Amino acid sequence: MKEMTAKEVEMNVTEGKTLNIIDVREVDEVAAGKIPGAVNIPLGLLEFRMNELDKSKEYVMVCRSGGRSGRATQILESHGYSVINMTGGMLSYEGQVQ
C-alpha cells in the first residue's frame, strides 16, 4: 500500500498541486473541517460509489486517524484503482481546512 504523510499532503496542497482527495469519514466528522477540495465518500458507501471515481487518476484517501482510509485504500486497490493512504489522518493534518 502506498502511503503519504499528512505533512506531505499539506505541502502539496499549499504548493497548489492537484491532489484527488477522498475523505472517508462520516458526514458529521467532515462538517468539522476537511482538506480543501476533498470529496466526502463515507467508508460505508465507498463500494457503492466507486463508479464515480476515474481509474486513470490517483487518489489520496483520508480519515480521522488513518485506519479507515487504510481500509478504503485496500478496497479501491483490489478494484484496480491507484490509491495512496494518508497516514495519521486528520489528527495529524495541520494545514487549512474548510
N, C-alpha and C. Protein backbone atom coordinates (compact mmCIF):
# COMPACT_ATOMS: atom_id res chain seq x y z
N MET A 1 0.84 -1.19 0.00
CA MET A 1 0.00 0.00 0.00
C MET A 1 0.89 1.25 0.00
N LYS A 2 0.60 2.14 -0.94
CA LYS A 2 1.34 3.41 -0.97
C LYS A 2 0.84 4.29 0.17
N GLU A 3 1.77 5.04 0.77
CA GLU A 3 1.39 5.94 1.85
C GLU A 3 2.03 7.31 1.66
N MET A 4 1.37 8.30 2.23
CA MET A 4 1.86 9.68 2.23
C MET A 4 1.53 10.25 3.60
N THR A 5 2.46 10.97 4.19
CA THR A 5 2.17 11.55 5.50
C THR A 5 1.23 12.75 5.36
N ALA A 6 0.60 13.11 6.46
CA ALA A 6 -0.28 14.28 6.47
C ALA A 6 0.53 15.53 6.10
N LYS A 7 1.78 15.59 6.54
CA LYS A 7 2.64 16.74 6.23
C LYS A 7 2.90 16.82 4.73
N GLU A 8 3.14 15.68 4.09
CA GLU A 8 3.37 15.67 2.64
C GLU A 8 2.12 16.13 1.89
N VAL A 9 0.95 15.68 2.33
CA VAL A 9 -0.30 16.12 1.71
C VAL A 9 -0.45 17.62 1.90
N GLU A 10 -0.21 18.09 3.12
CA GLU A 10 -0.32 19.53 3.41
C GLU A 10 0.61 20.35 2.51
N MET A 11 1.85 19.89 2.34
CA MET A 11 2.80 20.62 1.49
C MET A 11 2.32 20.66 0.04
N ASN A 12 1.81 19.54 -0.47
CA ASN A 12 1.29 19.51 -1.83
C ASN A 12 0.12 20.47 -2.01
N VAL A 13 -0.79 20.49 -1.03
CA VAL A 13 -1.95 21.39 -1.09
C VAL A 13 -1.48 22.85 -1.05
N THR A 14 -0.55 23.16 -0.14
CA THR A 14 -0.02 24.52 0.00
C THR A 14 0.65 24.98 -1.29
N GLU A 15 1.35 24.06 -1.96
CA GLU A 15 2.05 24.40 -3.21
C GLU A 15 1.12 24.46 -4.41
N GLY A 16 -0.16 24.17 -4.19
CA GLY A 16 -1.13 24.26 -5.27
C GLY A 16 -1.17 23.06 -6.18
N LYS A 17 -0.54 21.96 -5.78
CA LYS A 17 -0.58 20.75 -6.60
C LYS A 17 -1.97 20.14 -6.51
N THR A 18 -2.40 19.57 -7.62
CA THR A 18 -3.72 18.95 -7.66
C THR A 18 -3.65 17.54 -7.08
N LEU A 19 -4.37 17.34 -6.01
CA LEU A 19 -4.49 16.01 -5.41
C LEU A 19 -5.96 15.63 -5.45
N ASN A 20 -6.23 14.40 -5.79
CA ASN A 20 -7.61 13.89 -5.78
C ASN A 20 -7.82 13.26 -4.41
N ILE A 21 -8.37 14.03 -3.49
CA ILE A 21 -8.51 13.58 -2.10
C ILE A 21 -9.93 13.09 -1.85
N ILE A 22 -10.01 11.88 -1.29
CA ILE A 22 -11.29 11.31 -0.89
C ILE A 22 -11.27 11.17 0.63
N ASP A 23 -12.20 11.83 1.29
CA ASP A 23 -12.32 11.79 2.75
C ASP A 23 -13.39 10.76 3.08
N VAL A 24 -12.98 9.67 3.75
CA VAL A 24 -13.92 8.57 4.02
C VAL A 24 -14.57 8.65 5.40
N ARG A 25 -14.43 9.81 6.07
CA ARG A 25 -15.10 9.98 7.36
C ARG A 25 -16.60 10.17 7.15
N GLU A 26 -17.34 10.05 8.24
CA GLU A 26 -18.79 10.27 8.19
C GLU A 26 -19.08 11.76 7.97
N VAL A 27 -20.27 12.05 7.46
CA VAL A 27 -20.66 13.42 7.12
C VAL A 27 -20.49 14.37 8.30
N ASP A 28 -20.88 13.95 9.51
CA ASP A 28 -20.78 14.84 10.67
C ASP A 28 -19.31 15.12 11.03
N GLU A 29 -18.41 14.18 10.78
CA GLU A 29 -16.99 14.41 11.04
C GLU A 29 -16.42 15.42 10.05
N VAL A 30 -16.81 15.29 8.79
CA VAL A 30 -16.32 16.18 7.74
C VAL A 30 -16.83 17.60 7.97
N ALA A 31 -18.01 17.75 8.55
CA ALA A 31 -18.57 19.07 8.81
C ALA A 31 -17.68 19.89 9.73
N ALA A 32 -16.86 19.23 10.53
CA ALA A 32 -15.95 19.93 11.44
C ALA A 32 -14.72 20.46 10.71
N GLY A 33 -14.53 20.06 9.46
CA GLY A 33 -13.41 20.56 8.67
C GLY A 33 -12.79 19.46 7.83
N LYS A 34 -12.55 19.81 6.55
CA LYS A 34 -11.91 18.87 5.64
C LYS A 34 -10.84 19.60 4.84
N ILE A 35 -9.96 18.84 4.22
CA ILE A 35 -8.93 19.41 3.37
C ILE A 35 -9.62 20.05 2.18
N PRO A 36 -9.25 21.30 1.83
CA PRO A 36 -9.91 21.97 0.69
C PRO A 36 -9.87 21.10 -0.57
N GLY A 37 -11.02 20.96 -1.20
CA GLY A 37 -11.12 20.19 -2.44
C GLY A 37 -11.40 18.72 -2.24
N ALA A 38 -11.35 18.24 -1.00
CA ALA A 38 -11.60 16.82 -0.74
C ALA A 38 -13.06 16.48 -1.00
N VAL A 39 -13.29 15.29 -1.53
CA VAL A 39 -14.63 14.78 -1.77
C VAL A 39 -14.96 13.80 -0.66
N ASN A 40 -16.13 13.96 -0.06
CA ASN A 40 -16.52 13.06 1.03
C ASN A 40 -17.30 11.87 0.48
N ILE A 41 -16.74 10.68 0.69
CA ILE A 41 -17.43 9.43 0.41
C ILE A 41 -17.22 8.57 1.66
N PRO A 42 -18.20 8.54 2.57
CA PRO A 42 -18.04 7.73 3.79
C PRO A 42 -17.66 6.28 3.45
N LEU A 43 -16.79 5.70 4.26
CA LEU A 43 -16.29 4.36 4.01
C LEU A 43 -17.41 3.35 3.72
N GLY A 44 -18.49 3.44 4.47
CA GLY A 44 -19.60 2.51 4.28
C GLY A 44 -20.28 2.61 2.92
N LEU A 45 -20.07 3.72 2.23
CA LEU A 45 -20.68 3.92 0.90
C LEU A 45 -19.68 3.75 -0.23
N LEU A 46 -18.42 3.54 0.10
CA LEU A 46 -17.35 3.54 -0.91
C LEU A 46 -17.60 2.51 -2.02
N GLU A 47 -17.94 1.29 -1.65
CA GLU A 47 -18.13 0.27 -2.68
C GLU A 47 -19.32 0.59 -3.60
N PHE A 48 -20.31 1.32 -3.08
CA PHE A 48 -21.46 1.70 -3.89
C PHE A 48 -21.16 2.91 -4.78
N ARG A 49 -20.17 3.73 -4.39
CA ARG A 49 -19.89 4.97 -5.12
C ARG A 49 -18.57 4.95 -5.88
N MET A 50 -17.84 3.84 -5.84
CA MET A 50 -16.53 3.83 -6.51
C MET A 50 -16.65 4.05 -8.02
N ASN A 51 -17.82 3.80 -8.58
CA ASN A 51 -18.02 4.05 -10.01
C ASN A 51 -17.93 5.54 -10.34
N GLU A 52 -17.98 6.41 -9.33
CA GLU A 52 -17.83 7.86 -9.54
C GLU A 52 -16.36 8.24 -9.73
N LEU A 53 -15.45 7.31 -9.42
CA LEU A 53 -14.02 7.58 -9.49
C LEU A 53 -13.46 7.15 -10.85
N ASP A 54 -12.37 7.79 -11.25
CA ASP A 54 -11.73 7.56 -12.54
C ASP A 54 -10.47 6.72 -12.32
N LYS A 55 -10.42 5.54 -12.93
CA LYS A 55 -9.27 4.65 -12.74
C LYS A 55 -7.98 5.21 -13.31
N SER A 56 -8.06 6.25 -14.14
CA SER A 56 -6.84 6.84 -14.71
C SER A 56 -6.21 7.87 -13.76
N LYS A 57 -6.89 8.17 -12.65
CA LYS A 57 -6.39 9.14 -11.68
C LYS A 57 -5.89 8.43 -10.43
N GLU A 58 -5.03 9.14 -9.69
CA GLU A 58 -4.55 8.63 -8.41
C GLU A 58 -5.29 9.37 -7.30
N TYR A 59 -5.70 8.63 -6.28
CA TYR A 59 -6.48 9.21 -5.19
C TYR A 59 -5.73 9.10 -3.87
N VAL A 60 -5.90 10.13 -3.03
CA VAL A 60 -5.36 10.13 -1.67
C VAL A 60 -6.53 9.94 -0.72
N MET A 61 -6.47 8.89 0.08
CA MET A 61 -7.55 8.56 0.99
C MET A 61 -7.25 9.15 2.38
N VAL A 62 -8.27 9.77 2.98
CA VAL A 62 -8.12 10.47 4.26
C VAL A 62 -9.25 10.05 5.21
N CYS A 63 -8.91 9.91 6.49
CA CYS A 63 -9.93 9.71 7.53
C CYS A 63 -9.45 10.43 8.80
N ARG A 64 -9.98 10.05 9.95
CA ARG A 64 -9.61 10.74 11.19
C ARG A 64 -8.20 10.41 11.63
N SER A 65 -7.85 9.10 11.64
CA SER A 65 -6.54 8.72 12.16
C SER A 65 -5.70 7.84 11.23
N GLY A 66 -6.28 7.39 10.13
CA GLY A 66 -5.54 6.58 9.16
C GLY A 66 -6.02 5.15 9.02
N GLY A 67 -6.89 4.70 9.92
CA GLY A 67 -7.39 3.33 9.87
C GLY A 67 -8.42 3.10 8.77
N ARG A 68 -9.45 3.91 8.76
CA ARG A 68 -10.50 3.75 7.74
C ARG A 68 -9.96 4.04 6.34
N SER A 69 -9.07 5.03 6.24
CA SER A 69 -8.51 5.33 4.92
C SER A 69 -7.63 4.18 4.44
N GLY A 70 -6.97 3.48 5.37
CA GLY A 70 -6.20 2.30 5.01
C GLY A 70 -7.09 1.21 4.44
N ARG A 71 -8.24 1.02 5.07
CA ARG A 71 -9.21 0.03 4.58
C ARG A 71 -9.75 0.46 3.22
N ALA A 72 -10.05 1.75 3.07
CA ALA A 72 -10.55 2.27 1.79
C ALA A 72 -9.50 2.07 0.69
N THR A 73 -8.24 2.27 1.03
CA THR A 73 -7.15 2.07 0.07
C THR A 73 -7.13 0.62 -0.40
N GLN A 74 -7.26 -0.31 0.53
CA GLN A 74 -7.27 -1.73 0.18
C GLN A 74 -8.45 -2.07 -0.74
N ILE A 75 -9.61 -1.54 -0.40
CA ILE A 75 -10.82 -1.81 -1.21
C ILE A 75 -10.62 -1.31 -2.64
N LEU A 76 -10.19 -0.06 -2.77
CA LEU A 76 -10.04 0.51 -4.12
C LEU A 76 -8.91 -0.17 -4.90
N GLU A 77 -7.78 -0.47 -4.23
CA GLU A 77 -6.69 -1.16 -4.91
C GLU A 77 -7.17 -2.51 -5.46
N SER A 78 -8.01 -3.20 -4.69
CA SER A 78 -8.49 -4.51 -5.13
C SER A 78 -9.40 -4.41 -6.35
N HIS A 79 -9.88 -3.20 -6.64
CA HIS A 79 -10.72 -2.97 -7.82
C HIS A 79 -9.96 -2.24 -8.93
N GLY A 80 -8.64 -2.16 -8.80
CA GLY A 80 -7.82 -1.61 -9.87
C GLY A 80 -7.58 -0.11 -9.85
N TYR A 81 -7.88 0.54 -8.74
CA TYR A 81 -7.64 1.98 -8.63
C TYR A 81 -6.24 2.25 -8.09
N SER A 82 -5.68 3.40 -8.45
CA SER A 82 -4.38 3.85 -7.94
C SER A 82 -4.65 4.74 -6.73
N VAL A 83 -4.20 4.28 -5.55
CA VAL A 83 -4.59 4.93 -4.30
C VAL A 83 -3.41 5.09 -3.35
N ILE A 84 -3.41 6.18 -2.60
CA ILE A 84 -2.41 6.43 -1.56
C ILE A 84 -3.16 6.67 -0.25
N ASN A 85 -2.69 6.07 0.83
CA ASN A 85 -3.29 6.29 2.15
C ASN A 85 -2.54 7.42 2.86
N MET A 86 -3.26 8.43 3.36
CA MET A 86 -2.63 9.49 4.15
C MET A 86 -2.51 8.99 5.59
N THR A 87 -1.29 8.72 6.02
CA THR A 87 -1.07 8.20 7.37
C THR A 87 -1.30 9.28 8.41
N GLY A 88 -1.82 8.88 9.55
CA GLY A 88 -2.06 9.82 10.64
C GLY A 88 -3.39 10.52 10.58
N GLY A 89 -4.02 10.51 9.39
CA GLY A 89 -5.33 11.11 9.22
C GLY A 89 -5.39 12.60 9.56
N MET A 90 -6.62 13.06 9.74
CA MET A 90 -6.85 14.48 10.03
C MET A 90 -6.28 14.88 11.39
N LEU A 91 -6.08 13.92 12.29
CA LEU A 91 -5.46 14.24 13.57
C LEU A 91 -4.05 14.78 13.39
N SER A 92 -3.38 14.36 12.29
CA SER A 92 -2.01 14.79 12.01
C SER A 92 -1.94 15.94 11.02
N TYR A 93 -3.04 16.26 10.39
CA TYR A 93 -3.06 17.31 9.35
C TYR A 93 -3.11 18.69 10.01
N GLU A 94 -2.13 19.52 9.69
CA GLU A 94 -2.05 20.85 10.31
C GLU A 94 -2.36 21.98 9.33
N GLY A 95 -2.69 21.63 8.10
CA GLY A 95 -2.98 22.66 7.09
C GLY A 95 -4.36 23.25 7.26
N GLN A 96 -4.70 24.16 6.35
CA GLN A 96 -6.01 24.80 6.39
C GLN A 96 -7.09 23.78 6.05
N VAL A 97 -8.24 23.96 6.67
CA VAL A 97 -9.40 23.13 6.39
C VAL A 97 -10.58 24.04 6.03
N GLN A 98 -11.57 23.45 5.39
CA GLN A 98 -12.77 24.22 5.05
C GLN A 98 -14.00 23.54 5.59
